Protein backbone atom coordinates (compact mmCIF):
# COMPACT_ATOMS: atom_id res chain seq x y z
CA MET A 1 0.00 0.00 0.00
CA ALA A 2 1.24 3.48 -0.83
CA ARG A 3 1.10 4.70 2.76
CA THR A 4 2.89 7.97 2.04
CA ARG A 5 0.10 9.20 -0.18
CA ARG A 6 -1.51 10.33 3.05
CA VAL A 7 0.79 13.38 2.99
CA LEU A 8 -1.52 14.85 0.38
CA SER A 9 -3.96 15.48 3.19
CA LEU A 10 -1.51 18.00 4.63
CA ILE A 11 -2.50 20.33 1.81
CA ALA A 12 -6.00 20.72 3.18
CA GLY A 13 -4.79 20.60 6.77
CA THR A 14 -2.31 23.39 6.42
CA ALA A 15 -4.82 25.55 4.61
CA LEU A 16 -6.90 25.57 7.78
CA PHE A 17 -3.87 25.98 10.00
CA VAL A 18 -3.08 29.13 8.06
CA THR A 19 -6.00 30.97 9.60
CA ALA A 20 -4.16 30.97 12.89
CA CYS A 21 -0.84 31.91 11.32
CA SER A 22 -2.00 34.69 9.04
CA GLY A 23 -3.88 36.82 11.53
CA GLY A 24 -7.36 35.38 10.97
CA SER A 25 -9.61 34.21 13.75
CA SER A 26 -8.14 31.34 15.69
CA PRO A 27 -9.69 29.04 18.27
CA SER A 28 -9.17 30.02 21.84
CA PRO A 29 -6.91 27.67 23.84
CA SER A 30 -9.90 26.73 25.94
CA SER A 31 -12.06 25.65 23.02
CA GLY A 32 -12.65 22.20 21.55
CA ALA A 33 -10.86 19.28 23.18
CA SER A 34 -8.65 21.36 25.40
CA GLN A 35 -10.06 20.30 28.75
CA PRO A 36 -9.02 17.21 30.71
CA ALA A 37 -11.12 14.14 30.12
CA ALA A 38 -13.70 13.59 32.83
CA SER A 39 -13.64 9.82 32.57
CA SER A 40 -10.85 7.32 33.02
CA GLY A 41 -9.15 5.59 30.11
CA ALA A 42 -8.78 7.74 27.02
CA SER A 43 -7.82 11.28 27.86
CA ALA A 44 -8.31 14.47 25.91
CA PRO A 45 -5.34 16.84 25.71
CA ALA A 46 -5.41 19.51 28.38
CA SER A 47 -4.15 23.04 28.25
CA ALA A 48 -1.78 22.01 31.05
CA PRO A 49 -2.41 18.46 32.31
CA ALA A 50 -1.39 19.20 35.87
CA SER A 51 -4.33 17.25 37.24
CA ALA A 52 -3.22 14.16 35.35
CA ALA A 53 0.29 14.56 36.74
CA SER A 54 -0.79 15.15 40.34
CA SER A 55 -1.07 11.41 41.00
CA LEU A 56 2.48 10.75 39.79
CA PRO A 57 5.23 10.10 42.33
CA ALA A 58 7.31 13.13 43.28
CA GLY A 59 10.52 13.27 41.27
CA THR A 60 9.11 11.47 38.22
CA THR A 61 11.59 11.74 35.35
CA ILE A 62 11.46 10.75 31.70
CA THR A 63 14.04 10.96 28.92
CA VAL A 64 13.47 12.56 25.54
CA THR A 65 15.88 12.19 22.62
CA SER A 66 16.23 13.83 19.21
CA LEU A 67 18.73 15.06 16.65
CA TRP A 68 18.40 18.69 17.69
CA GLY A 69 21.35 20.68 18.97
CA GLY A 70 22.34 24.33 19.29
CA ALA A 71 19.53 26.87 19.03
CA GLU A 72 16.99 24.14 18.20
CA GLN A 73 17.87 22.29 21.40
CA GLU A 74 17.73 25.49 23.44
CA ALA A 75 14.27 26.29 22.08
CA PHE A 76 12.99 22.79 22.85
CA GLN A 77 14.42 22.98 26.37
CA LYS A 78 12.07 25.91 27.01
CA VAL A 79 9.19 23.55 26.24
CA LEU A 80 10.58 20.90 28.57
CA ASP A 81 10.93 23.48 31.33
CA ALA A 82 7.33 24.60 30.82
CA PHE A 83 6.19 20.97 30.98
CA LYS A 84 7.91 20.56 34.34
CA ASP A 85 6.28 23.73 35.63
CA ALA A 86 2.87 22.44 34.54
CA THR A 87 3.16 18.85 35.73
CA GLY A 88 6.11 18.45 38.10
CA VAL A 89 7.61 15.85 35.74
CA THR A 90 11.21 16.34 34.65
CA ALA A 91 11.87 15.56 30.98
CA THR A 92 15.62 15.14 30.54
CA TYR A 93 16.83 15.87 27.01
CA GLN A 94 19.38 13.62 25.29
CA ALA A 95 20.78 14.84 21.96
CA GLN A 96 21.97 12.25 19.45
CA ARG A 97 23.51 14.18 16.57
CA THR A 98 24.90 11.30 14.49
CA ASP A 99 23.73 7.81 13.50
CA TYR A 100 20.39 8.57 15.10
CA ALA A 101 18.43 5.56 13.87
CA THR A 102 21.27 3.12 14.59
CA VAL A 103 21.83 4.38 18.12
CA LEU A 104 18.10 4.43 18.83
CA GLN A 105 17.67 0.87 17.58
CA SER A 106 20.64 -0.26 19.69
CA LYS A 107 19.06 1.21 22.81
CA ILE A 108 15.75 -0.45 22.04
CA THR A 109 17.42 -3.81 21.40
CA GLY A 110 19.48 -3.43 24.56
CA GLY A 111 16.37 -2.86 26.63
CA ASN A 112 17.28 0.72 27.55
CA PRO A 113 15.31 2.96 25.19
CA PRO A 114 14.60 6.61 25.85
CA ASP A 115 11.03 7.17 26.95
CA VAL A 116 10.21 9.52 24.10
CA ALA A 117 11.92 10.06 20.75
CA ILE A 118 11.55 12.59 17.98
CA MET A 119 11.32 10.85 14.62
CA PRO A 120 13.06 12.92 11.93
CA GLY A 121 11.17 11.28 9.08
CA LEU A 122 8.17 9.18 8.17
CA GLY A 123 10.43 6.35 7.02
CA PHE A 124 11.93 6.10 10.51
CA LEU A 125 8.49 6.26 12.06
CA ARG A 126 7.22 3.39 9.91
CA GLN A 127 10.33 1.33 10.58
CA PHE A 128 10.15 1.62 14.36
CA ALA A 129 6.37 1.22 14.46
CA ARG A 130 6.43 -2.03 12.50
CA SER A 131 9.36 -3.42 14.50
CA GLY A 132 7.55 -2.73 17.76
CA GLY A 133 10.08 -0.13 18.86
CA ILE A 134 7.53 2.59 19.52
CA LYS A 135 4.13 2.54 21.16
CA LYS A 136 0.75 3.33 19.69
CA ILE A 137 -0.74 6.51 21.08
CA SER A 138 -3.65 4.37 22.30
CA ASP A 139 -1.17 2.20 24.27
CA LEU A 140 -0.61 5.23 26.50
CA GLY A 141 -4.29 5.42 27.39
CA ILE A 142 -4.92 8.30 25.01
CA ASP A 143 -7.78 8.15 22.55
CA PRO A 144 -6.36 9.40 19.21
CA ALA A 145 -9.76 10.84 18.31
CA SER A 146 -9.55 13.11 21.34
CA LEU A 147 -6.50 14.83 19.85
CA GLU A 148 -8.02 15.73 16.52
CA GLY A 149 -9.65 18.93 17.75
CA ASN A 150 -6.23 20.43 18.48
CA TYR A 151 -5.07 20.18 14.86
CA PRO A 152 -6.19 21.08 11.35
CA PRO A 153 -7.56 18.09 9.42
CA GLY A 154 -4.78 15.91 8.03
CA ILE A 155 -1.94 17.01 10.29
CA LEU A 156 -2.13 13.79 12.34
CA ASP A 157 -2.18 11.55 9.25
CA PRO A 158 1.61 11.33 8.71
CA GLY A 159 1.91 9.83 12.21
CA LYS A 160 -0.27 6.87 11.26
CA VAL A 161 1.18 3.50 10.33
CA ASP A 162 -1.21 0.83 9.09
CA ASP A 163 -4.08 3.06 10.21
CA GLU A 164 -2.83 3.27 13.82
CA LEU A 165 -1.56 6.55 15.29
CA TYR A 166 2.04 6.21 16.52
CA GLY A 167 3.44 9.73 16.18
CA LEU A 168 2.31 13.32 16.53
CA MET A 169 3.68 16.20 14.49
CA VAL A 170 5.07 18.65 17.03
CA LYS A 171 6.67 21.25 14.79
CA PHE A 172 7.47 22.05 11.21
CA ASN A 173 9.31 24.54 9.05
CA SER A 174 8.95 25.67 5.48
CA LYS A 175 11.68 24.30 3.23
CA SER A 176 10.83 26.89 0.57
CA THR A 177 12.91 29.72 2.05
CA PHE A 178 16.06 31.13 0.42
CA TRP A 179 18.12 33.20 2.87
CA TYR A 180 20.20 36.24 1.98
CA SER A 181 21.91 39.40 3.20
CA PRO A 182 19.79 42.44 2.25
CA THR A 183 22.75 44.75 2.79
CA LYS A 184 24.97 42.81 0.39
CA PHE A 185 22.21 42.70 -2.19
CA GLN A 186 21.72 46.44 -1.91
CA ASP A 187 25.45 47.16 -2.12
CA ALA A 188 25.70 45.04 -5.28
CA GLY A 189 22.54 46.52 -6.80
CA VAL A 190 20.85 43.11 -6.84
CA SER A 191 17.09 42.68 -6.62
CA VAL A 192 15.49 39.75 -4.81
CA PRO A 193 15.22 36.91 -7.37
CA LYS A 194 11.75 35.72 -8.31
CA THR A 195 12.67 33.20 -11.01
CA TRP A 196 15.48 30.69 -11.44
CA ASP A 197 17.00 32.85 -14.20
CA ASP A 198 16.85 35.83 -11.82
CA LEU A 199 18.76 33.78 -9.26
CA LYS A 200 21.53 32.91 -11.70
CA THR A 201 21.79 36.55 -12.76
CA ALA A 202 22.00 37.61 -9.11
CA LEU A 203 24.75 35.06 -8.48
CA ASP A 204 26.75 36.38 -11.43
CA THR A 205 26.38 39.99 -10.27
CA LEU A 206 27.25 39.22 -6.65
CA LYS A 207 30.30 37.23 -7.68
CA SER A 208 31.49 40.10 -9.89
CA LYS A 209 30.91 42.75 -7.23
CA GLU A 210 32.27 40.78 -4.28
CA GLY A 211 35.13 39.01 -6.06
CA GLY A 212 34.18 35.49 -5.03
CA PRO A 213 31.46 32.84 -5.16
CA PRO A 214 28.45 34.14 -3.17
CA LEU A 215 26.42 30.99 -2.40
CA ALA A 216 27.11 29.13 0.85
CA LEU A 217 26.57 25.36 0.86
CA GLY A 218 26.79 23.00 3.82
CA ALA A 219 26.95 19.80 1.78
CA LYS A 220 28.66 17.75 4.49
CA ASP A 221 25.09 17.25 5.70
CA SER A 222 23.85 15.47 2.59
CA TRP A 223 20.20 16.34 3.17
CA THR A 224 20.90 19.98 2.35
CA VAL A 225 21.64 19.07 -1.28
CA GLY A 226 18.54 16.89 -1.27
CA ASP A 227 16.39 19.76 -0.02
CA MET A 228 17.40 22.00 -2.92
CA PHE A 229 16.68 19.22 -5.41
CA GLU A 230 13.23 18.76 -3.87
CA GLU A 231 12.44 22.46 -4.23
CA ILE A 232 13.51 22.47 -7.86
CA TYR A 233 11.56 19.31 -8.68
CA LEU A 234 8.44 20.65 -6.98
CA ARG A 235 8.50 23.92 -8.90
CA GLN A 236 9.24 22.31 -12.24
CA ASN A 237 6.67 19.52 -11.97
CA GLY A 238 4.03 20.40 -9.36
CA ALA A 239 2.78 18.81 -6.15
CA ASP A 240 1.16 15.72 -7.69
CA ALA A 241 4.32 14.69 -9.54
CA TYR A 242 6.40 15.46 -6.45
CA ASN A 243 4.27 13.24 -4.21
CA LYS A 244 4.36 10.45 -6.77
CA LEU A 245 8.16 10.58 -7.00
CA PHE A 246 8.47 10.08 -3.24
CA SER A 247 5.98 7.20 -3.17
CA PRO A 248 6.23 3.51 -4.13
CA ASP A 249 5.10 4.56 -7.62
CA GLY A 250 8.02 6.94 -8.11
CA ASP A 251 10.44 6.45 -11.01
CA TRP A 252 13.82 8.05 -10.44
CA THR A 253 14.87 7.28 -14.02
CA ASP A 254 12.09 9.53 -15.35
CA PRO A 255 13.54 12.39 -17.46
CA THR A 256 12.01 14.98 -15.12
CA VAL A 257 14.45 13.90 -12.40
CA ALA A 258 17.49 14.39 -14.61
CA THR A 259 16.11 17.78 -15.69
CA ALA A 260 15.81 18.92 -12.08
CA ILE A 261 19.33 17.68 -11.36
CA GLY A 262 20.56 19.66 -14.36
CA SER A 263 19.07 22.80 -12.84
CA LEU A 264 20.61 21.94 -9.47
CA LYS A 265 24.07 21.76 -11.05
CA GLU A 266 23.56 25.18 -12.63
CA VAL A 267 24.08 26.76 -9.21
CA LEU A 268 25.82 24.10 -7.12
CA ASN A 269 29.20 24.29 -8.79
CA ASP A 270 32.64 25.80 -8.29
CA THR A 271 31.57 29.01 -10.02
CA TYR A 272 28.96 29.96 -7.45
CA VAL A 273 29.58 27.95 -4.27
CA THR A 274 31.73 29.61 -1.63
CA GLY A 275 35.05 27.77 -1.45
CA GLY A 276 34.02 25.42 -4.24
CA ILE A 277 32.23 22.07 -4.18
CA LYS A 278 35.09 20.16 -2.54
CA ALA A 279 35.17 22.56 0.41
CA ALA A 280 31.36 22.59 0.65
CA LEU A 281 31.33 18.80 0.98
CA GLY A 282 33.33 19.24 4.17
CA THR A 283 31.17 22.11 5.50
CA ALA A 284 28.38 21.45 8.00
CA PHE A 285 25.09 23.24 7.42
CA THR A 286 25.52 25.38 10.56
CA ASP A 287 28.96 26.45 9.32
CA ALA A 288 27.41 27.43 5.99
CA ILE A 289 24.89 29.56 7.88
CA ALA A 290 27.86 31.22 9.60
CA GLN A 291 29.51 31.81 6.21
CA THR A 292 26.50 33.94 5.32
CA PHE A 293 25.40 35.47 8.61
CA GLY A 294 28.39 35.20 10.94
CA THR A 295 30.45 38.12 12.20
CA ASN A 296 32.78 37.82 9.19
CA PRO A 297 30.51 36.63 6.35
CA LYS A 298 31.98 35.29 3.13
CA SER A 299 28.71 34.56 1.33
CA SER A 300 25.58 36.49 0.40
CA LEU A 301 23.03 33.68 0.05
CA TYR A 302 22.22 30.37 1.68
CA TYR A 303 19.40 28.01 0.82
CA GLU A 304 17.70 26.03 3.58
CA GLY A 305 14.50 25.87 5.59
CA GLY A 306 12.86 28.31 7.96
CA PHE A 307 14.91 27.01 10.89
CA VAL A 308 17.89 28.98 9.53
CA GLY A 309 16.53 32.19 11.03
CA GLY A 310 16.46 30.82 14.56
CA ILE A 311 19.92 29.27 14.24
CA ALA A 312 21.43 32.38 12.66
CA THR A 313 20.04 34.83 15.20
CA GLY A 314 20.13 32.58 18.26
CA GLN A 315 23.37 30.70 17.73
CA VAL A 316 25.55 32.06 14.92
CA ASN A 317 25.31 35.83 15.39
CA LYS A 318 22.99 37.32 17.99
CA ASN A 319 23.71 40.83 16.71
CA LEU A 320 21.99 40.27 13.36
CA LYS A 321 19.42 42.92 12.45
CA LEU A 322 16.32 41.44 10.82
CA GLY A 323 15.61 42.85 7.39
CA THR A 324 19.07 44.41 7.19
CA ASP A 325 21.55 41.62 7.87
CA ILE A 326 19.23 38.66 7.30
CA ASP A 327 16.01 37.94 5.42
CA TRP A 328 14.59 35.34 3.06
CA PHE A 329 12.68 35.15 -0.21
CA PRO A 330 10.50 32.33 -1.59
CA PHE A 331 12.34 29.68 -3.57
CA PRO A 332 12.51 30.89 -7.19
CA THR A 333 10.04 29.70 -9.80
CA PHE A 334 10.66 28.18 -13.24
CA ALA A 335 9.23 29.05 -16.61
CA ASN A 336 6.09 26.97 -17.21
CA GLY A 337 6.56 25.45 -13.75
CA GLN A 338 3.69 23.68 -12.03
CA GLY A 339 4.53 24.49 -8.43
CA ASP A 340 5.15 28.22 -8.38
CA THR A 341 3.45 28.92 -5.06
CA ALA A 342 3.65 25.46 -3.53
CA ALA A 343 5.41 25.05 -0.19
CA GLU A 344 7.40 22.14 1.12
CA ILE A 345 7.47 21.50 4.85
CA GLY A 346 9.74 19.42 7.01
CA GLY A 347 8.13 18.22 10.21
CA ASP A 348 9.13 16.07 13.16
CA GLU A 349 6.97 13.42 14.79
CA ILE A 350 7.10 12.66 18.51
CA ALA A 351 6.63 9.06 19.63
CA ALA A 352 6.62 7.11 22.90
CA LEU A 353 8.99 4.20 23.38
CA THR A 354 7.82 3.30 26.88
CA THR A 355 4.64 3.63 28.92
CA LYS A 356 6.34 4.59 32.17
CA PRO A 357 4.76 7.30 34.38
CA GLY A 358 5.11 10.75 32.86
CA VAL A 359 5.18 9.67 29.21
CA LYS A 360 1.43 9.93 28.69
CA GLU A 361 1.41 13.34 30.33
CA PHE A 362 4.27 14.53 28.15
CA ILE A 363 2.67 13.37 24.91
CA GLN A 364 -0.57 15.07 25.94
CA TYR A 365 1.22 18.28 26.83
CA MET A 366 2.91 18.42 23.42
CA THR A 367 -0.51 18.59 21.75
CA THR A 368 -1.56 21.73 23.63
CA ALA A 369 -1.45 25.43 22.87
CA ASP A 370 0.65 25.88 26.01
CA ALA A 371 3.49 23.84 24.52
CA GLY A 372 3.02 25.34 21.07
CA ASN A 373 3.04 28.92 22.33
CA VAL A 374 6.26 28.40 24.32
CA TRP A 375 7.96 26.91 21.28
CA ALA A 376 6.62 29.51 18.84
CA LYS A 377 8.05 32.31 20.98
CA GLN A 378 11.57 31.01 20.33
CA GLY A 379 11.33 31.75 16.61
CA THR A 380 12.74 28.38 15.48
CA ILE A 381 9.57 26.52 14.47
CA ILE A 382 6.02 26.80 13.20
CA SER A 383 3.52 24.99 15.40
CA PRO A 384 0.84 22.69 13.94
CA VAL A 385 -1.43 23.29 16.97
CA LYS A 386 -4.43 25.33 15.86
CA ALA A 387 -4.81 27.37 19.03
CA VAL A 388 -1.27 28.78 19.01
CA ASP A 389 -1.55 32.57 19.06
CA PRO A 390 0.12 34.01 15.92
CA SER A 391 1.37 36.96 17.99
CA ASN A 392 3.72 34.52 19.74
CA TYR A 393 5.92 34.25 16.67
CA PRO A 394 8.62 36.66 17.79
CA ASN A 395 9.63 38.36 14.56
CA ASP A 396 8.61 39.12 11.01
CA LEU A 397 10.74 36.31 9.57
CA ALA A 398 8.82 33.64 11.49
CA LYS A 399 5.46 35.27 10.80
CA LYS A 400 6.31 35.48 7.11
CA GLU A 401 7.23 31.80 7.12
CA ALA A 402 3.88 30.85 8.64
CA ALA A 403 2.08 33.01 6.10
CA GLN A 404 4.00 31.43 3.21
CA VAL A 405 2.72 27.99 4.16
CA ALA A 406 -0.70 29.47 4.80
CA ASN A 407 -0.99 31.00 1.33
CA ALA A 408 0.61 28.16 -0.63
CA SER A 409 -1.24 26.66 -3.58
CA ALA A 410 -0.23 23.24 -2.26
CA VAL A 411 1.78 21.87 0.65
CA VAL A 412 4.01 18.80 0.38
CA TYR A 413 6.04 16.92 2.97
CA ASP A 414 9.83 16.65 2.83
CA GLY A 415 10.52 13.92 0.27
CA GLN A 416 13.69 12.56 1.83
CA ASP A 417 11.87 12.12 5.13
CA THR A 418 9.05 10.27 3.37
CA LEU A 419 11.21 7.59 1.74
CA PRO A 420 11.65 4.27 3.57
CA ALA A 421 14.32 4.19 6.26
CA ALA A 422 16.05 1.40 4.30
CA ALA A 423 16.22 3.47 1.10
CA PRO A 424 19.58 4.71 -0.16
CA ASP A 425 20.55 8.21 0.99
CA MET A 426 19.22 10.58 -1.66
CA GLY A 427 21.48 13.37 -0.44
CA ALA A 428 24.54 11.13 -0.69
CA MET A 429 23.59 10.30 -4.27
CA LEU A 430 23.33 14.01 -5.03
CA GLN A 431 26.70 14.63 -3.38
CA GLU A 432 28.09 12.36 -6.10
CA VAL A 433 26.13 14.28 -8.73
CA ILE A 434 27.58 17.68 -7.85
CA GLN A 435 31.06 16.16 -7.98
CA GLY A 436 30.49 15.34 -11.63
CA LYS A 437 29.62 11.63 -11.44
CA ASP A 438 27.44 10.12 -14.17
CA VAL A 439 23.83 11.05 -13.45
CA THR A 440 22.21 8.25 -15.46
CA SER A 441 23.98 5.43 -13.65
CA LEU A 442 23.53 7.07 -10.24
CA LEU A 443 19.79 7.45 -10.79
CA LYS A 444 19.38 3.86 -11.97
CA THR A 445 21.17 2.51 -8.91
CA PHE A 446 19.23 4.82 -6.62
CA ASN A 447 15.92 3.88 -8.25
CA ASP A 448 16.63 0.17 -7.76
CA GLY A 449 17.47 0.74 -4.10
CA VAL A 450 14.35 2.82 -3.44
CA LYS A 451 12.08 0.30 -5.15
CA SER A 452 13.59 -2.49 -3.04
CA ALA A 453 13.11 -0.47 0.17
CA TRP A 454 9.46 0.23 -0.63
CA ALA A 455 8.90 -3.44 -1.39
CA GLY A 456 10.41 -4.33 1.97
CA GLU A 457 7.83 -2.14 3.74
CA GLN A 458 4.78 -3.75 2.18
């Protein structure tokens, strides 16, 4: 079964979520299913489930693990602190920055899993759900239907595996944001690009004016190259074709894939990439952000998702002035493209690995406006919770990001995160591409591996 086709429902879901993000009327935190359940058994999410936590032993502690570090970790810690204030339960954060799936599986196999884990992709979620590594939401004594009122329709669907809810989307970011230095653009007489040709012209002008390649690239983290490919493919082919490519029906040998890769190579090359491709392959994505927005910037542009703003201003350079030193524009469009105003989002799912005291309360808390508002205030994420007050987004960059998703003609989920966990690394394949390796043979090998991984999931 093509389980990932459920991401199409995010299009409708985000359209409703937009009302809250774009200044329209939004539900009050006390509306809908925001009160504690009166009966035992299944529990509705509460604004702050202190009553549910009151029966827990003093000093109850749970562990929560994810890939997040730096400013993302600091923002999430604010949520954990608020959870403790609301419930008395301490959620201890454990960052696992490398080999996440392998380390997590080892802990599960060794009988010492974290209590809660953030799943960085739907492929991981499906893998751990089907292996028994994570718990169904209903296993915690929570009725999944009781959570639906907190979200726009469709937002919970990606967390379902074989029609059972295992994960909850806790945050997302637009991947359709292209970051730049307004001051450097102004000094070079460059206008914000609207089309792909505009972008290439801007790169040429910036290189001429500044005397060096202007585009930062953190290709050591392979997913960054994959993200740019996804944006190009989406805008050249539209949301339907995009969703098909990242489903069991996808064909990576289709000419549209090679066309998108050709466009990718038009900008990811030694001519435009700061330090050249070889250096970029050894540059982490946070270092590439610093190349553009650090105290001694070498670059003028950097492509990545909405999380860049929070990392740049909260971790890389806290003296950045919004709109002067840092801003973003929508990913450029293509002539005759099908996805001009579509938006791609990357979201993270939270899942329980144990049913020990405090886990149920934590999962419930993460579905509330209280948790969403705390997180939104940090400026690193967009919350999927309907009742989050849009005024809590702390700056114009975050508000603009929420509005971009809100006004999109279609919304798609990060393709790399949708592929099976056993699939070959798409970003690694594209790392080979930008080094000049044969595209046809790489795509054939990748296509065979993806098909095999999908077959293994069925």
